[in-house]
PDB file of N, CA and C in Angstrom:
ATOM      1  N   UNK A   1      37.737  -2.095 -11.588  1.00  0.00           N
ATOM      2  CA  UNK A   1      36.330  -1.834 -11.857  1.00  0.00           C
ATOM      3  C   UNK A   1      35.804  -0.907 -10.748  1.00  0.00           C
ATOM      4  N   UNK A   2      35.013   0.146 -11.085  1.00  0.00           N
ATOM      5  CA  UNK A   2      34.525   1.077 -10.070  1.00  0.00           C
ATOM      6  C   UNK A   2      33.491   0.427  -9.167  1.00  0.00           C
ATOM      7  N   UNK A   3      33.367   0.978  -7.964  1.00  0.00           N
ATOM      8  CA  UNK A   3      32.380   0.470  -7.000  1.00  0.00           C
ATOM      9  C   UNK A   3      30.973   0.757  -7.509  1.00  0.00           C
ATOM     10  N   UNK A   4      30.021  -0.063  -7.086  1.00  0.00           N
ATOM     11  CA  UNK A   4      28.617   0.140  -7.461  1.00  0.00           C
ATOM     12  C   UNK A   4      28.145   1.474  -6.911  1.00  0.00           C
ATOM     13  N   UNK A   5      27.373   2.170  -7.705  1.00  0.00           N
ATOM     14  CA  UNK A   5      26.898   3.481  -7.287  1.00  0.00           C
ATOM     15  C   UNK A   5      25.406   3.442  -7.026  1.00  0.00           C
ATOM     16  N   UNK A   6      24.967   4.244  -6.053  1.00  0.00           N
ATOM     17  CA  UNK A   6      23.553   4.329  -5.714  1.00  0.00           C
ATOM     18  C   UNK A   6      22.837   5.333  -6.583  1.00  0.00           C
ATOM     19  N   UNK A   7      21.663   5.711  -6.143  1.00  0.00           N
ATOM     20  CA  UNK A   7      20.769   6.600  -6.892  1.00  0.00           C
ATOM     21  C   UNK A   7      21.412   7.938  -7.213  1.00  0.00           C
ATOM     22  N   UNK A   8      22.199   8.477  -6.290  1.00  0.00           N
ATOM     23  CA  UNK A   8      22.783   9.799  -6.483  1.00  0.00           C
ATOM     24  C   UNK A   8      24.246   9.729  -6.872  1.00  0.00           C
ATOM     25  N   UNK A   9      24.687   8.601  -7.355  1.00  0.00           N
ATOM     26  CA  UNK A   9      26.041   8.479  -7.851  1.00  0.00           C
ATOM     27  C   UNK A   9      27.070   8.135  -6.802  1.00  0.00           C
ATOM     28  N   UNK A  10      26.664   7.848  -5.585  1.00  0.00           N
ATOM     29  CA  UNK A  10      27.606   7.443  -4.552  1.00  0.00           C
ATOM     30  C   UNK A  10      26.965   6.394  -3.666  1.00  0.00           C
ATOM     31  N   UNK A  11      27.783   5.713  -2.908  1.00  0.00           N
ATOM     32  CA  UNK A  11      27.257   4.690  -2.002  1.00  0.00           C
ATOM     33  C   UNK A  11      26.571   5.345  -0.816  1.00  0.00           C
ATOM     34  N   UNK A  12      25.600   4.664  -0.232  1.00  0.00           N
ATOM     35  CA  UNK A  12      24.866   5.152   0.927  1.00  0.00           C
ATOM     36  C   UNK A  12      25.620   4.808   2.197  1.00  0.00           C
ATOM     37  N   UNK A  13      26.368   5.746   2.750  1.00  0.00           N
ATOM     38  CA  UNK A  13      27.054   5.614   4.027  1.00  0.00           C
ATOM     39  C   UNK A  13      27.681   4.235   4.221  1.00  0.00           C
ATOM     40  N   UNK A  14      28.345   3.714   3.205  1.00  0.00           N
ATOM     41  CA  UNK A  14      29.026   2.451   3.319  1.00  0.00           C
ATOM     42  C   UNK A  14      28.140   1.229   3.176  1.00  0.00           C
ATOM     43  N   UNK A  15      26.864   1.407   2.887  1.00  0.00           N
ATOM     44  CA  UNK A  15      25.952   0.278   2.731  1.00  0.00           C
ATOM     45  C   UNK A  15      25.900  -0.150   1.276  1.00  0.00           C
ATOM     46  N   UNK A  16      25.660  -1.430   1.098  1.00  0.00           N
ATOM     47  CA  UNK A  16      25.479  -1.916  -0.261  1.00  0.00           C
ATOM     48  C   UNK A  16      24.120  -1.446  -0.769  1.00  0.00           C
ATOM     49  N   UNK A  17      23.938  -1.320  -2.079  1.00  0.00           N
ATOM     50  CA  UNK A  17      22.640  -0.899  -2.621  1.00  0.00           C
ATOM     51  C   UNK A  17      21.506  -1.821  -2.173  1.00  0.00           C
ATOM     52  N   UNK A  18      21.817  -3.117  -1.981  1.00  0.00           N
ATOM     53  CA  UNK A  18      20.785  -4.065  -1.565  1.00  0.00           C
ATOM     54  C   UNK A  18      20.289  -3.760  -0.142  1.00  0.00           C
ATOM     55  N   UNK A  19      21.183  -3.284   0.719  1.00  0.00           N
ATOM     56  CA  UNK A  19      20.803  -2.948   2.095  1.00  0.00           C
ATOM     57  C   UNK A  19      20.189  -1.550   2.172  1.00  0.00           C
ATOM     58  N   UNK A  20      20.651  -0.650   1.344  1.00  0.00           N
ATOM     59  CA  UNK A  20      20.168   0.726   1.389  1.00  0.00           C
ATOM     60  C   UNK A  20      18.745   0.840   0.838  1.00  0.00           C
ATOM     61  N   UNK A  21      18.383   0.030  -0.134  1.00  0.00           N
ATOM     62  CA  UNK A  21      17.072   0.132  -0.769  1.00  0.00           C
ATOM     63  C   UNK A  21      15.917  -0.035   0.214  1.00  0.00           C
ATOM     64  N   UNK A  22      15.895  -1.072   1.069  1.00  0.00           N
ATOM     65  CA  UNK A  22      14.777  -1.205   2.008  1.00  0.00           C
ATOM     66  C   UNK A  22      14.704  -0.041   3.003  1.00  0.00           C
ATOM     67  N   UNK A  23      15.856   0.490   3.411  1.00  0.00           N
ATOM     68  CA  UNK A  23      15.865   1.635   4.324  1.00  0.00           C
ATOM     69  C   UNK A  23      15.245   2.830   3.630  1.00  0.00           C
ATOM     70  N   UNK A  24      15.621   3.071   2.391  1.00  0.00           N
ATOM     71  CA  UNK A  24      15.083   4.185   1.615  1.00  0.00           C
ATOM     72  C   UNK A  24      13.580   4.010   1.408  1.00  0.00           C
ATOM     73  N   UNK A  25      13.140   2.806   1.090  1.00  0.00           N
ATOM     74  CA  UNK A  25      11.716   2.551   0.881  1.00  0.00           C
ATOM     75  C   UNK A  25      10.931   2.784   2.159  1.00  0.00           C
ATOM     76  N   UNK A  26      11.474   2.369   3.296  1.00  0.00           N
ATOM     77  CA  UNK A  26      10.801   2.572   4.581  1.00  0.00           C
ATOM     78  C   UNK A  26      10.681   4.065   4.868  1.00  0.00           C
ATOM     79  N   UNK A  27      11.748   4.797   4.598  1.00  0.00           N
ATOM     80  CA  UNK A  27      11.749   6.240   4.806  1.00  0.00           C
ATOM     81  C   UNK A  27      10.693   6.901   3.918  1.00  0.00           C
ATOM     82  N   UNK A  28      10.592   6.483   2.680  1.00  0.00           N
ATOM     83  CA  UNK A  28       9.594   7.041   1.761  1.00  0.00           C
ATOM     84  C   UNK A  28       8.183   6.760   2.258  1.00  0.00           C
ATOM     85  N   UNK A  29       7.941   5.572   2.781  1.00  0.00           N
ATOM     86  CA  UNK A  29       6.613   5.219   3.295  1.00  0.00           C
ATOM     87  C   UNK A  29       6.258   6.117   4.478  1.00  0.00           C
ATOM     88  N   UNK A  30       7.210   6.314   5.390  1.00  0.00           N
ATOM     89  CA  UNK A  30       6.959   7.190   6.534  1.00  0.00           C
ATOM     90  C   UNK A  30       6.619   8.602   6.068  1.00  0.00           C
ATOM     91  N   UNK A  31       7.358   9.099   5.096  1.00  0.00           N
ATOM     92  CA  UNK A  31       7.118  10.464   4.587  1.00  0.00           C
ATOM     93  C   UNK A  31       5.754  10.549   3.920  1.00  0.00           C
ATOM     94  N   UNK A  32       5.383   9.539   3.158  1.00  0.00           N
ATOM     95  CA  UNK A  32       4.068   9.534   2.513  1.00  0.00           C
ATOM     96  C   UNK A  32       2.957   9.544   3.557  1.00  0.00           C
ATOM     97  N   UNK A  33       3.149   8.819   4.651  1.00  0.00           N
ATOM     98  CA  UNK A  33       2.145   8.802   5.717  1.00  0.00           C
ATOM     99  C   UNK A  33       2.047  10.162   6.393  1.00  0.00           C
ATOM    100  N   UNK A  34       3.180  10.842   6.580  1.00  0.00           N
ATOM    101  CA  UNK A  34       3.166  12.187   7.157  1.00  0.00           C
ATOM    102  C   UNK A  34       2.418  13.157   6.246  1.00  0.00           C
ATOM    103  N   UNK A  35       2.688  13.092   4.958  1.00  0.00           N
ATOM    104  CA  UNK A  35       2.025  13.980   3.999  1.00  0.00           C
ATOM    105  C   UNK A  35       0.525  13.686   3.961  1.00  0.00           C
ATOM    106  N   UNK A  36       0.150  12.410   3.918  1.00  0.00           N
ATOM    107  CA  UNK A  36      -1.267  12.034   3.887  1.00  0.00           C
ATOM    108  C   UNK A  36      -1.983  12.516   5.142  1.00  0.00           C
ATOM    109  N   UNK A  37      -1.337  12.402   6.277  1.00  0.00           N
ATOM    110  CA  UNK A  37      -1.936  12.858   7.532  1.00  0.00           C
ATOM    111  C   UNK A  37      -2.148  14.367   7.501  1.00  0.00           C
ATOM    112  N   UNK A  38      -1.172  15.092   7.005  1.00  0.00           N
ATOM    113  CA  UNK A  38      -1.297  16.549   6.893  1.00  0.00           C
ATOM    114  C   UNK A  38      -2.420  16.955   5.953  1.00  0.00           C
ATOM    115  N   UNK A  39      -2.537  16.262   4.831  1.00  0.00           N
ATOM    116  CA  UNK A  39      -3.617  16.555   3.884  1.00  0.00           C
ATOM    117  C   UNK A  39      -4.975  16.231   4.495  1.00  0.00           C
ATOM    118  N   UNK A  40      -5.052  15.143   5.252  1.00  0.00           N
ATOM    119  CA  UNK A  40      -6.289  14.773   5.930  1.00  0.00           C
ATOM    120  C   UNK A  40      -6.701  15.869   6.910  1.00  0.00           C
ATOM    121  N   UNK A  41      -5.732  16.378   7.670  1.00  0.00           N
ATOM    122  CA  UNK A  41      -6.020  17.455   8.625  1.00  0.00           C
ATOM    123  C   UNK A  41      -6.557  18.695   7.903  1.00  0.00           C
ATOM    124  N   UNK A  42      -5.923  19.043   6.781  1.00  0.00           N
ATOM    125  CA  UNK A  42      -6.377  20.209   6.010  1.00  0.00           C
ATOM    126  C   UNK A  42      -7.792  20.008   5.466  1.00  0.00           C
ATOM    127  N   UNK A  43      -8.070  18.820   4.949  1.00  0.00           N
ATOM    128  CA  UNK A  43      -9.394  18.530   4.396  1.00  0.00           C
ATOM    129  C   UNK A  43     -10.462  18.581   5.491  1.00  0.00           C
ATOM    130  N   UNK A  44     -10.157  18.012   6.651  1.00  0.00           N
ATOM    131  CA  UNK A  44     -11.119  18.040   7.761  1.00  0.00           C
ATOM    132  C   UNK A  44     -11.389  19.474   8.218  1.00  0.00           C
ATOM    133  N   UNK A  45     -10.355  20.291   8.303  1.00  0.00           N
ATOM    134  CA  UNK A  45     -10.527  21.689   8.710  1.00  0.00           C
ATOM    135  C   UNK A  45     -11.372  22.450   7.689  1.00  0.00           C
ATOM    136  N   UNK A  46     -11.138  22.188   6.408  1.00  0.00           N
ATOM    137  CA  UNK A  46     -11.914  22.863   5.362  1.00  0.00           C
ATOM    138  C   UNK A  46     -13.371  22.436   5.416  1.00  0.00           C
ATOM    139  N   UNK A  47     -13.631  21.168   5.679  1.00  0.00           N
ATOM    140  CA  UNK A  47     -15.014  20.690   5.782  1.00  0.00           C
ATOM    141  C   UNK A  47     -15.724  21.314   6.982  1.00  0.00           C
ATOM    142  N   UNK A  48     -15.012  21.396   8.112  1.00  0.00           N
ATOM    143  CA  UNK A  48     -15.617  22.008   9.297  1.00  0.00           C
ATOM    144  C   UNK A  48     -15.946  23.476   9.030  1.00  0.00           C
ATOM    145  N   UNK A  49     -15.053  24.166   8.364  1.00  0.00           N
ATOM    146  CA  UNK A  49     -15.279  25.575   8.040  1.00  0.00           C
ATOM    147  C   UNK A  49     -16.463  25.712   7.083  1.00  0.00           C
ATOM    148  N   UNK A  50     -16.544  24.819   6.104  1.00  0.00           N
ATOM    149  CA  UNK A  50     -17.644  24.864   5.135  1.00  0.00           C
ATOM    150  C   UNK A  50     -18.968  24.541   5.807  1.00  0.00           C
ATOM    151  N   UNK A  51     -18.967  23.680   6.806  1.00  0.00           N
ATOM    152  CA  UNK A  51     -20.198  23.324   7.514  1.00  0.00           C
ATOM    153  C   UNK A  51     -20.759  24.501   8.302  1.00  0.00           C
ATOM    154  N   UNK A  52     -19.919  25.463   8.626  1.00  0.00           N
ATOM    155  CA  UNK A  52     -20.360  26.629   9.386  1.00  0.00           C
ATOM    156  C   UNK A  52     -21.155  27.608   8.523  1.00  0.00           C
ATOM    157  N   UNK A  53     -20.960  27.573   7.232  1.00  0.00           N
ATOM    158  CA  UNK A  53     -21.626  28.490   6.304  1.00  0.00           C
ATOM    159  C   UNK A  53     -22.762  27.762   5.596  1.00  0.00           C
ATOM    160  N   UNK A  54     -23.860  28.462   5.301  1.00  0.00           N
ATOM    161  CA  UNK A  54     -24.921  27.812   4.535  1.00  0.00           C
ATOM    162  C   UNK A  54     -24.451  27.533   3.099  1.00  0.00           C
ATOM    163  N   UNK A  55     -24.911  26.436   2.542  1.00  0.00           N
ATOM    164  CA  UNK A  55     -24.542  26.104   1.164  1.00  0.00           C
ATOM    165  C   UNK A  55     -25.370  26.950   0.202  1.00  0.00           C
ATOM    166  N   UNK A  56     -25.001  26.931  -1.051  1.00  0.00           N
ATOM    167  CA  UNK A  56     -25.771  27.647  -2.065  1.00  0.00           C
ATOM    168  C   UNK A  56     -27.195  27.127  -2.130  1.00  0.00           C
ATOM    169  N   UNK A  57     -27.371  25.820  -1.991  1.00  0.00           N
ATOM    170  CA  UNK A  57     -28.716  25.228  -2.019  1.00  0.00           C
ATOM    171  C   UNK A  57     -29.539  25.739  -0.832  1.00  0.00           C
ATOM    172  N   UNK A  58     -28.914  25.861   0.340  1.00  0.00           N
ATOM    173  CA  UNK A  58     -29.623  26.379   1.515  1.00  0.00           C
ATOM    174  C   UNK A  58     -30.060  27.820   1.260  1.00  0.00           C
ATOM    175  N   UNK A  59     -29.214  28.621   0.690  1.00  0.00           N
ATOM    176  CA  UNK A  59     -29.545  30.027   0.431  1.00  0.00           C
ATOM    177  C   UNK A  59     -30.710  30.158  -0.541  1.00  0.00           C
ATOM    178  N   UNK A  60     -30.715  29.365  -1.591  1.00  0.00           N
ATOM    179  CA  UNK A  60     -31.800  29.413  -2.590  1.00  0.00           C
ATOM    180  C   UNK A  60     -33.093  28.912  -1.967  1.00  0.00           C
ATOM    181  N   UNK A  61     -33.055  27.844  -1.241  1.00  0.00           N
ATOM    182  CA  UNK A  61     -34.238  27.257  -0.609  1.00  0.00           C
ATOM    183  C   UNK A  61     -34.850  28.226   0.396  1.00  0.00           C
ATOM    184  N   UNK A  62     -34.020  28.943   1.136  1.00  0.00           N
ATOM    185  CA  UNK A  62     -34.501  29.854   2.159  1.00  0.00           C
ATOM    186  C   UNK A  62     -34.907  31.219   1.613  1.00  0.00           C
ATOM    187  N   UNK A  63     -34.662  31.488   0.351  1.00  0.00           N
ATOM    188  CA  UNK A  63     -34.978  32.805  -0.242  1.00  0.00           C
ATOM    189  C   UNK A  63     -36.456  32.982  -0.476  1.00  0.00           C
TER     190      UNK A  63
END
């Protein structure tokens, strides 16, 4: 009978699928946190840049 195969058709560096799954999940969580942090930085920078310019409402009110 063939050995159990992981997600990509092979075993994870000699680990059983039961041991590899939590490691993979932890890695995914770390990556998601990195991506979320990067998106947060981009959103904050865009807001700061937008705060420097008058809004459309400000332009109409001041006209």
